[in-house]
PDB file of all heavy atoms in Angstrom:
ATOM      1  N   GLU A   1     -97.503 159.613-313.473  1.00  0.00           N
ATOM      2  CA  GLU A   1     -97.007 158.883-312.304  1.00  0.00           C
ATOM      3  C   GLU A   1     -98.090 158.849-311.221  1.00  0.00           C
ATOM      4  O   GLU A   1     -98.757 159.844-310.958  1.00  0.00           O
ATOM      5  CB  GLU A   1     -95.750 159.565-311.772  1.00  0.00           C
ATOM      6  CG  GLU A   1     -95.066 158.810-310.651  1.00  0.00           C
ATOM      7  CD  GLU A   1     -93.784 159.483-310.193  1.00  0.00           C
ATOM      8  OE1 GLU A   1     -93.463 160.551-310.741  1.00  0.00           O
ATOM      9  OE2 GLU A   1     -93.130 158.944-309.277  1.00  0.00           O
ATOM     10  N   ASN A   2     -98.261 157.675-310.607  1.00  0.00           N
ATOM     11  CA  ASN A   2     -99.241 157.469-309.531  1.00  0.00           C
ATOM     12  C   ASN A   2    -100.682 157.707-309.994  1.00  0.00           C
ATOM     13  O   ASN A   2    -101.550 158.080-309.197  1.00  0.00           O
ATOM     14  CB  ASN A   2     -98.944 158.368-308.333  1.00  0.00           C
ATOM     15  CG  ASN A   2     -97.642 158.010-307.651  1.00  0.00           C
ATOM     16  OD1 ASN A   2     -97.281 156.832-307.559  1.00  0.00           O
ATOM     17  ND2 ASN A   2     -96.915 159.011-307.194  1.00  0.00           N
ATOM     18  N   GLU A   3    -100.937 157.486-311.287  1.00  0.00           N
ATOM     19  CA  GLU A   3    -102.282 157.641-311.820  1.00  0.00           C
ATOM     20  C   GLU A   3    -102.729 156.366-312.531  1.00  0.00           C
ATOM     21  O   GLU A   3    -101.893 155.570-312.982  1.00  0.00           O
ATOM     22  CB  GLU A   3    -102.353 158.819-312.794  1.00  0.00           C
ATOM     23  CG  GLU A   3    -102.190 160.181-312.134  1.00  0.00           C
ATOM     24  CD  GLU A   3    -102.321 161.326-313.117  1.00  0.00           C
ATOM     25  OE1 GLU A   3    -101.940 161.145-314.299  1.00  0.00           O
ATOM     26  OE2 GLU A   3    -102.796 162.402-312.707  1.00  0.00           O
ATOM     27  N   LEU A   4    -104.040 156.193-312.640  1.00  0.00           N
ATOM     28  CA  LEU A   4    -104.629 155.064-313.356  1.00  0.00           C
ATOM     29  C   LEU A   4    -105.540 155.594-314.451  1.00  0.00           C
ATOM     30  O   LEU A   4    -106.284 156.556-314.244  1.00  0.00           O
ATOM     31  CB  LEU A   4    -105.460 154.203-312.410  1.00  0.00           C
ATOM     32  CG  LEU A   4    -104.782 153.584-311.189  1.00  0.00           C
ATOM     33  CD1 LEU A   4    -105.829 152.910-310.306  1.00  0.00           C
ATOM     34  CD2 LEU A   4    -103.719 152.576-311.620  1.00  0.00           C
ATOM     35  N   LEU A   5    -105.484 154.963-315.622  1.00  0.00           N
ATOM     36  CA  LEU A   5    -106.413 155.278-316.706  1.00  0.00           C
ATOM     37  C   LEU A   5    -107.525 154.244-316.659  1.00  0.00           C
ATOM     38  O   LEU A   5    -107.266 153.044-316.668  1.00  0.00           O
ATOM     39  CB  LEU A   5    -105.708 155.227-318.064  1.00  0.00           C
ATOM     40  CG  LEU A   5    -106.601 155.445-319.293  1.00  0.00           C
ATOM     41  CD1 LEU A   5    -107.159 156.861-319.308  1.00  0.00           C
ATOM     42  CD2 LEU A   5    -105.832 155.142-320.576  1.00  0.00           C
ATOM     43  N   ILE A   6    -108.777 154.714-316.585  1.00  0.00           N
ATOM     44  CA  ILE A   6    -109.892 153.771-316.536  1.00  0.00           C
ATOM     45  C   ILE A   6    -110.904 154.057-317.632  1.00  0.00           C
ATOM     46  O   ILE A   6    -111.056 155.195-318.077  1.00  0.00           O
ATOM     47  CB  ILE A   6    -110.605 153.798-315.162  1.00  0.00           C
ATOM     48  CG1 ILE A   6    -111.326 155.134-314.927  1.00  0.00           C
ATOM     49  CG2 ILE A   6    -109.644 153.511-314.026  1.00  0.00           C
ATOM     50  CD1 ILE A   6    -112.267 155.102-313.745  1.00  0.00           C
ATOM     51  N   GLU A   7    -111.566 152.994-318.077  1.00  0.00           N
ATOM     52  CA  GLU A   7    -112.738 153.106-318.949  1.00  0.00           C
ATOM     53  C   GLU A   7    -113.929 153.364-318.028  1.00  0.00           C
ATOM     54  O   GLU A   7    -114.220 152.542-317.152  1.00  0.00           O
ATOM     55  CB  GLU A   7    -112.940 151.819-319.740  1.00  0.00           C
ATOM     56  CG  GLU A   7    -111.818 151.474-320.705  1.00  0.00           C
ATOM     57  CD  GLU A   7    -111.993 152.136-322.070  1.00  0.00           C
ATOM     58  OE1 GLU A   7    -113.080 152.726-322.296  1.00  0.00           O
ATOM     59  OE2 GLU A   7    -111.055 152.051-322.884  1.00  0.00           O
ATOM     60  N   VAL A   8    -114.592 154.475-318.211  1.00  0.00           N
ATOM     61  CA  VAL A   8    -115.651 154.883-317.297  1.00  0.00           C
ATOM     62  C   VAL A   8    -116.963 154.167-317.629  1.00  0.00           C
ATOM     63  O   VAL A   8    -117.454 154.245-318.752  1.00  0.00           O
ATOM     64  CB  VAL A   8    -115.861 156.413-317.361  1.00  0.00           C
ATOM     65  CG1 VAL A   8    -117.000 156.833-316.425  1.00  0.00           C
ATOM     66  CG2 VAL A   8    -114.575 157.143-316.982  1.00  0.00           C
ATOM     67  N   ASP A   9    -117.522 153.473-316.635  1.00  0.00           N
ATOM     68  CA  ASP A   9    -118.829 152.829-316.790  1.00  0.00           C
ATOM     69  C   ASP A   9    -119.958 153.772-316.384  1.00  0.00           C
ATOM     70  O   ASP A   9    -121.004 153.814-317.021  1.00  0.00           O
ATOM     71  CB  ASP A   9    -118.891 151.553-315.956  1.00  0.00           C
ATOM     72  CG  ASP A   9    -117.977 150.460-316.490  1.00  0.00           C
ATOM     73  OD1 ASP A   9    -117.866 150.341-317.726  1.00  0.00           O
ATOM     74  OD2 ASP A   9    -117.365 149.739-315.679  1.00  0.00           O
ATOM     75  N   ARG A  10    -119.761 154.517-315.315  1.00  0.00           N
ATOM     76  CA  ARG A  10    -120.734 155.507-314.868  1.00  0.00           C
ATOM     77  C   ARG A  10    -119.972 156.680-314.240  1.00  0.00           C
ATOM     78  O   ARG A  10    -118.944 156.491-313.592  1.00  0.00           O
ATOM     79  CB  ARG A  10    -121.696 154.939-313.812  1.00  0.00           C
ATOM     80  CG  ARG A  10    -122.626 153.846-314.287  1.00  0.00           C
ATOM     81  CD  ARG A  10    -123.656 154.347-315.276  1.00  0.00           C
ATOM     82  NE  ARG A  10    -124.670 153.339-315.565  1.00  0.00           N
ATOM     83  CZ  ARG A  10    -124.520 152.300-316.363  1.00  0.00           C
ATOM     84  NH1 ARG A  10    -123.343 152.113-316.971  1.00  0.00           N
ATOM     85  NH2 ARG A  10    -125.514 151.455-316.586  1.00  0.00           N
ATOM     86  N   ALA A  11    -120.528 157.878-314.434  1.00  0.00           N
ATOM     87  CA  ALA A  11    -120.016 159.072-313.768  1.00  0.00           C
ATOM     88  C   ALA A  11    -121.138 159.654-312.924  1.00  0.00           C
ATOM     89  O   ALA A  11    -122.279 159.748-313.387  1.00  0.00           O
ATOM     90  CB  ALA A  11    -119.531 160.105-314.786  1.00  0.00           C
ATOM     91  N   GLY A  12    -120.845 160.028-311.707  1.00  0.00           N
ATOM     92  CA  GLY A  12    -121.865 160.583-310.827  1.00  0.00           C
ATOM     93  C   GLY A  12    -122.160 162.038-311.144  1.00  0.00           C
ATOM     94  O   GLY A  12    -121.315 162.770-311.650  1.00  0.00           O
ATOM     95  N   VAL A  13    -123.394 162.450-310.859  1.00  0.00           N
ATOM     96  CA  VAL A  13    -123.828 163.840-311.026  1.00  0.00           C
ATOM     97  C   VAL A  13    -124.187 164.379-309.649  1.00  0.00           C
ATOM     98  O   VAL A  13    -124.961 163.755-308.916  1.00  0.00           O
ATOM     99  CB  VAL A  13    -125.046 163.949-311.970  1.00  0.00           C
ATOM    100  CG1 VAL A  13    -125.473 165.401-312.137  1.00  0.00           C
ATOM    101  CG2 VAL A  13    -124.732 163.316-313.321  1.00  0.00           C
ATOM    102  N   ASN A  14    -123.622 165.541-309.296  1.00  0.00           N
ATOM    103  CA  ASN A  14    -123.832 166.134-307.980  1.00  0.00           C
ATOM    104  C   ASN A  14    -124.219 167.605-308.093  1.00  0.00           C
ATOM    105  O   ASN A  14    -123.966 168.249-309.115  1.00  0.00           O
ATOM    106  CB  ASN A  14    -122.554 166.032-307.138  1.00  0.00           C
ATOM    107  CG  ASN A  14    -122.175 164.595-306.842  1.00  0.00           C
ATOM    108  OD1 ASN A  14    -122.859 163.912-306.097  1.00  0.00           O
ATOM    109  ND2 ASN A  14    -121.075 164.140-307.428  1.00  0.00           N
ATOM    110  N   TYR A  15    -124.807 168.143-307.017  1.00  0.00           N
ATOM    111  CA  TYR A  15    -125.093 169.576-306.977  1.00  0.00           C
ATOM    112  C   TYR A  15    -123.824 170.382-307.208  1.00  0.00           C
ATOM    113  O   TYR A  15    -123.850 171.440-307.842  1.00  0.00           O
ATOM    114  CB  TYR A  15    -125.707 169.969-305.631  1.00  0.00           C
ATOM    115  CG  TYR A  15    -127.213 169.934-305.624  1.00  0.00           C
ATOM    116  CD1 TYR A  15    -127.902 168.938-304.941  1.00  0.00           C
ATOM    117  CD2 TYR A  15    -127.963 170.886-306.309  1.00  0.00           C
ATOM    118  CE1 TYR A  15    -129.289 168.894-304.930  1.00  0.00           C
ATOM    119  CE2 TYR A  15    -129.347 170.857-306.316  1.00  0.00           C
ATOM    120  CZ  TYR A  15    -130.003 169.862-305.617  1.00  0.00           C
ATOM    121  OH  TYR A  15    -131.376 169.827-305.612  1.00  0.00           O
ATOM    122  N   ALA A  16    -122.708 169.894-306.676  1.00  0.00           N
ATOM    123  CA  ALA A  16    -121.446 170.611-306.857  1.00  0.00           C
ATOM    124  C   ALA A  16    -121.108 170.778-308.332  1.00  0.00           C
ATOM    125  O   ALA A  16    -120.516 171.792-308.734  1.00  0.00           O
ATOM    126  CB  ALA A  16    -120.321 169.872-306.137  1.00  0.00           C
ATOM    127  N   ASP A  17    -121.494 169.812-309.171  1.00  0.00           N
ATOM    128  CA  ASP A  17    -121.238 169.925-310.609  1.00  0.00           C
ATOM    129  C   ASP A  17    -121.989 171.113-311.202  1.00  0.00           C
ATOM    130  O   ASP A  17    -121.472 171.826-312.062  1.00  0.00           O
ATOM    131  CB  ASP A  17    -121.679 168.648-311.339  1.00  0.00           C
ATOM    132  CG  ASP A  17    -120.947 167.404-310.872  1.00  0.00           C
ATOM    133  OD1 ASP A  17    -119.953 167.536-310.137  1.00  0.00           O
ATOM    134  OD2 ASP A  17    -121.386 166.296-311.230  1.00  0.00           O
ATOM    135  N   THR A  18    -123.226 171.327-310.747  1.00  0.00           N
ATOM    136  CA  THR A  18    -124.010 172.445-311.288  1.00  0.00           C
ATOM    137  C   THR A  18    -123.382 173.781-310.894  1.00  0.00           C
ATOM    138  O   THR A  18    -123.383 174.727-311.678  1.00  0.00           O
ATOM    139  CB  THR A  18    -125.474 172.395-310.810  1.00  0.00           C
ATOM    140  OG1 THR A  18    -125.561 172.689-309.409  1.00  0.00           O
ATOM    141  CG2 THR A  18    -126.085 171.027-311.079  1.00  0.00           C
ATOM    142  N   HIS A  19    -122.835 173.839-309.695  1.00  0.00           N
ATOM    143  CA  HIS A  19    -122.146 175.059-309.273  1.00  0.00           C
ATOM    144  C   HIS A  19    -120.849 175.251-310.066  1.00  0.00           C
ATOM    145  O   HIS A  19    -120.497 176.377-310.444  1.00  0.00           O
ATOM    146  CB  HIS A  19    -121.821 174.997-307.779  1.00  0.00           C
ATOM    147  CG  HIS A  19    -123.005 175.228-306.886  1.00  0.00           C
ATOM    148  ND1 HIS A  19    -123.610 176.456-306.755  1.00  0.00           N
ATOM    149  CD2 HIS A  19    -123.695 174.386-306.080  1.00  0.00           C
ATOM    150  CE1 HIS A  19    -124.614 176.367-305.897  1.00  0.00           C
ATOM    151  NE2 HIS A  19    -124.697 175.115-305.481  1.00  0.00           N
ATOM    152  N   GLN A  20    -120.135 174.152-310.315  1.00  0.00           N
ATOM    153  CA  GLN A  20    -118.887 174.239-311.070  1.00  0.00           C
ATOM    154  C   GLN A  20    -119.146 174.728-312.490  1.00  0.00           C
ATOM    155  O   GLN A  20    -118.404 175.572-313.019  1.00  0.00           O
ATOM    156  CB  GLN A  20    -118.208 172.859-311.102  1.00  0.00           C
ATOM    157  CG  GLN A  20    -116.795 172.870-311.671  1.00  0.00           C
ATOM    158  CD  GLN A  20    -116.172 171.489-311.628  1.00  0.00           C
ATOM    159  OE1 GLN A  20    -116.690 170.538-312.219  1.00  0.00           O
ATOM    160  NE2 GLN A  20    -115.050 171.362-310.930  1.00  0.00           N
ATOM    161  N   VAL A  21    -120.222 174.247-313.102  1.00  0.00           N
ATOM    162  CA  VAL A  21    -120.540 174.620-314.482  1.00  0.00           C
ATOM    163  C   VAL A  21    -120.898 176.102-314.582  1.00  0.00           C
ATOM    164  O   VAL A  21    -120.573 176.764-315.569  1.00  0.00           O
ATOM    165  CB  VAL A  21    -121.694 173.731-315.019  1.00  0.00           C
ATOM    166  CG1 VAL A  21    -122.260 174.274-316.328  1.00  0.00           C
ATOM    167  CG2 VAL A  21    -121.194 172.296-315.220  1.00  0.00           C
ATOM    168  N   GLU A  22    -121.555 176.648-313.570  1.00  0.00           N
ATOM    169  CA  GLU A  22    -121.925 178.068-313.613  1.00  0.00           C
ATOM    170  C   GLU A  22    -120.890 178.957-312.920  1.00  0.00           C
ATOM    171  O   GLU A  22    -121.075 180.159-312.799  1.00  0.00           O
ATOM    172  CB  GLU A  22    -123.307 178.289-313.000  1.00  0.00           C
ATOM    173  CG  GLU A  22    -123.384 178.057-311.516  1.00  0.00           C
ATOM    174  CD  GLU A  22    -124.792 178.274-310.956  1.00  0.00           C
ATOM    175  OE1 GLU A  22    -125.744 178.361-311.750  1.00  0.00           O
ATOM    176  OE2 GLU A  22    -124.915 178.349-309.722  1.00  0.00           O
ATOM    177  N   ASP A  23    -119.789 178.350-312.449  1.00  0.00           N
ATOM    178  CA  ASP A  23    -118.696 179.070-311.778  1.00  0.00           C
ATOM    179  C   ASP A  23    -119.179 179.765-310.503  1.00  0.00           C
ATOM    180  O   ASP A  23    -118.833 180.910-310.222  1.00  0.00           O
ATOM    181  CB  ASP A  23    -118.052 180.106-312.713  1.00  0.00           C
ATOM    182  CG  ASP A  23    -116.679 180.567-312.193  1.00  0.00           C
ATOM    183  OD1 ASP A  23    -116.066 179.838-311.403  1.00  0.00           O
ATOM    184  OD2 ASP A  23    -116.241 181.669-312.585  1.00  0.00           O
ATOM    185  N   SER A  24    -119.963 179.038-309.699  1.00  0.00           N
ATOM    186  CA  SER A  24    -120.403 179.559-308.412  1.00  0.00           C
ATOM    187  C   SER A  24    -119.955 178.662-307.272  1.00  0.00           C
ATOM    188  O   SER A  24    -120.499 178.705-306.172  1.00  0.00           O
ATOM    189  CB  SER A  24    -121.938 179.687-308.393  1.00  0.00           C
ATOM    190  OG  SER A  24    -122.559 178.420-308.540  1.00  0.00           O
ATOM    191  N   TYR A  25    -118.928 177.831-307.546  1.00  0.00           N
ATOM    192  CA  TYR A  25    -118.464 176.883-306.542  1.00  0.00           C
ATOM    193  C   TYR A  25    -117.378 177.524-305.688  1.00  0.00           C
ATOM    194  O   TYR A  25    -116.973 178.669-305.897  1.00  0.00           O
ATOM    195  CB  TYR A  25    -117.953 175.604-307.228  1.00  0.00           C
ATOM    196  CG  TYR A  25    -117.908 174.388-306.344  1.00  0.00           C
ATOM    197  CD1 TYR A  25    -118.931 174.112-305.439  1.00  0.00           C
ATOM    198  CD2 TYR A  25    -116.837 173.495-306.406  1.00  0.00           C
ATOM    199  CE1 TYR A  25    -118.887 172.985-304.633  1.00  0.00           C
ATOM    200  CE2 TYR A  25    -116.793 172.363-305.609  1.00  0.00           C
ATOM    201  CZ  TYR A  25    -117.818 172.119-304.716  1.00  0.00           C
ATOM    202  OH  TYR A  25    -117.758 170.999-303.919  1.00  0.00           O
ATOM    203  N   LEU A  26    -116.873 176.749-304.708  1.00  0.00           N
ATOM    204  CA  LEU A  26    -115.873 177.282-303.783  1.00  0.00           C
ATOM    205  C   LEU A  26    -114.544 177.573-304.463  1.00  0.00           C
ATOM    206  O   LEU A  26    -113.800 178.431-304.026  1.00  0.00           O
ATOM    207  CB  LEU A  26    -115.659 176.284-302.628  1.00  0.00           C
ATOM    208  CG  LEU A  26    -116.890 176.080-301.720  1.00  0.00           C
ATOM    209  CD1 LEU A  26    -116.616 174.955-300.729  1.00  0.00           C
ATOM    210  CD2 LEU A  26    -117.235 177.364-300.989  1.00  0.00           C
ATOM    211  N   SER A  27    -114.240 176.850-305.529  1.00  0.00           N
ATOM    212  CA  SER A  27    -113.027 177.124-306.297  1.00  0.00           C
ATOM    213  C   SER A  27    -113.423 177.326-307.756  1.00  0.00           C
ATOM    214  O   SER A  27    -114.349 176.674-308.253  1.00  0.00           O
ATOM    215  CB  SER A  27    -112.021 175.974-306.174  1.00  0.00           C
ATOM    216  OG  SER A  27    -112.590 174.758-306.627  1.00  0.00           O
ATOM    217  N   SER A  28    -112.735 178.229-308.455  1.00  0.00           N
ATOM    218  CA  SER A  28    -113.088 178.558-309.830  1.00  0.00           C
ATOM    219  C   SER A  28    -112.234 177.744-310.801  1.00  0.00           C
ATOM    220  O   SER A  28    -110.998 177.840-310.777  1.00  0.00           O
ATOM    221  CB  SER A  28    -112.882 180.058-310.077  1.00  0.00           C
ATOM    222  OG  SER A  28    -113.330 180.414-311.366  1.00  0.00           O
ATOM    223  N   PRO A  29    -112.861 176.915-311.663  1.00  0.00           N
ATOM    224  CA  PRO A  29    -112.090 176.081-312.588  1.00  0.00           C
ATOM    225  C   PRO A  29    -111.684 176.840-313.850  1.00  0.00           C
ATOM    226  O   PRO A  29    -112.235 177.890-314.170  1.00  0.00           O
ATOM    227  CB  PRO A  29    -113.065 174.960-312.925  1.00  0.00           C
ATOM    228  CG  PRO A  29    -114.404 175.619-312.855  1.00  0.00           C
ATOM    229  CD  PRO A  29    -114.314 176.657-311.769  1.00  0.00           C
ATOM    230  N   ALA A  30    -110.715 176.283-314.551  1.00  0.00           N
ATOM    231  CA  ALA A  30    -110.272 176.854-315.825  1.00  0.00           C
ATOM    232  C   ALA A  30    -111.059 176.205-316.967  1.00  0.00           C
ATOM    233  O   ALA A  30    -111.522 175.068-316.870  1.00  0.00           O
ATOM    234  CB  ALA A  30    -108.780 176.614-316.009  1.00  0.00           C
ATOM    235  N   LEU A  31    -111.211 176.936-318.040  1.00  0.00           N
ATOM    236  CA  LEU A  31    -111.887 176.445-319.239  1.00  0.00           C
ATOM    237  C   LEU A  31    -110.875 176.123-320.326  1.00  0.00           C
ATOM    238  O   LEU A  31    -109.808 176.732-320.373  1.00  0.00           O
ATOM    239  CB  LEU A  31    -112.877 177.508-319.745  1.00  0.00           C
ATOM    240  CG  LEU A  31    -114.048 177.850-318.819  1.00  0.00           C
ATOM    241  CD1 LEU A  31    -114.879 178.971-319.416  1.00  0.00           C
ATOM    242  CD2 LEU A  31    -114.922 176.628-318.571  1.00  0.00           C
ATOM    243  N   PRO A  32    -111.170 175.198-321.249  1.00  0.00           N
ATOM    244  CA  PRO A  32    -112.364 174.345-321.277  1.00  0.00           C
ATOM    245  C   PRO A  32    -112.319 173.309-320.149  1.00  0.00           C
ATOM    246  O   PRO A  32    -111.245 172.976-319.636  1.00  0.00           O
ATOM    247  CB  PRO A  32    -112.281 173.676-322.645  1.00  0.00           C
ATOM    248  CG  PRO A  32    -110.818 173.626-322.944  1.00  0.00           C
ATOM    249  CD  PRO A  32    -110.242 174.889-322.363  1.00  0.00           C
ATOM    250  N   LEU A  33    -113.477 172.793-319.787  1.00  0.00           N
ATOM    251  CA  LEU A  33    -113.584 171.914-318.626  1.00  0.00           C
ATOM    252  C   LEU A  33    -114.507 170.741-318.930  1.00  0.00           C
ATOM    253  O   LEU A  33    -115.570 170.911-319.520  1.00  0.00           O
ATOM    254  CB  LEU A  33    -114.142 172.698-317.435  1.00  0.00           C
ATOM    255  CG  LEU A  33    -114.480 171.894-316.186  1.00  0.00           C
ATOM    256  CD1 LEU A  33    -113.209 171.502-315.435  1.00  0.00           C
ATOM    257  CD2 LEU A  33    -115.414 172.673-315.263  1.00  0.00           C
ATOM    258  N   ILE A  34    -114.077 169.550-318.514  1.00  0.00           N
ATOM    259  CA  ILE A  34    -114.939 168.368-318.503  1.00  0.00           C
ATOM    260  C   ILE A  34    -115.394 168.182-317.067  1.00  0.00           C
ATOM    261  O   ILE A  34    -114.585 167.871-316.195  1.00  0.00           O
ATOM    262  CB  ILE A  34    -114.191 167.108-318.994  1.00  0.00           C
ATOM    263  CG1 ILE A  34    -113.714 167.276-320.431  1.00  0.00           C
ATOM    264  CG2 ILE A  34    -115.096 165.876-318.874  1.00  0.00           C
ATOM    265  CD1 ILE A  34    -112.809 166.154-320.912  1.00  0.00           C
ATOM    266  N   PRO A  35    -116.674 168.423-316.757  1.00  0.00           N
ATOM    267  CA  PRO A  35    -117.139 168.268-315.372  1.00  0.00           C
ATOM    268  C   PRO A  35    -117.152 166.801-314.947  1.00  0.00           C
ATOM    269  O   PRO A  35    -116.907 165.894-315.745  1.00  0.00           O
ATOM    270  CB  PRO A  35    -118.561 168.840-315.407  1.00  0.00           C
ATOM    271  CG  PRO A  35    -118.688 169.548-316.722  1.00  0.00           C
ATOM    272  CD  PRO A  35    -117.748 168.854-317.653  1.00  0.00           C
TER     273      PRO A  35
END
């Protein structure tokens, strides 16, 4: 509900992604994870 499914043409890469992957970001994600 209230969501859209899209075919992704490009995904952005940010410094925050590198922190998320090494689990050094402000919030800790659950695994497995698609950044």
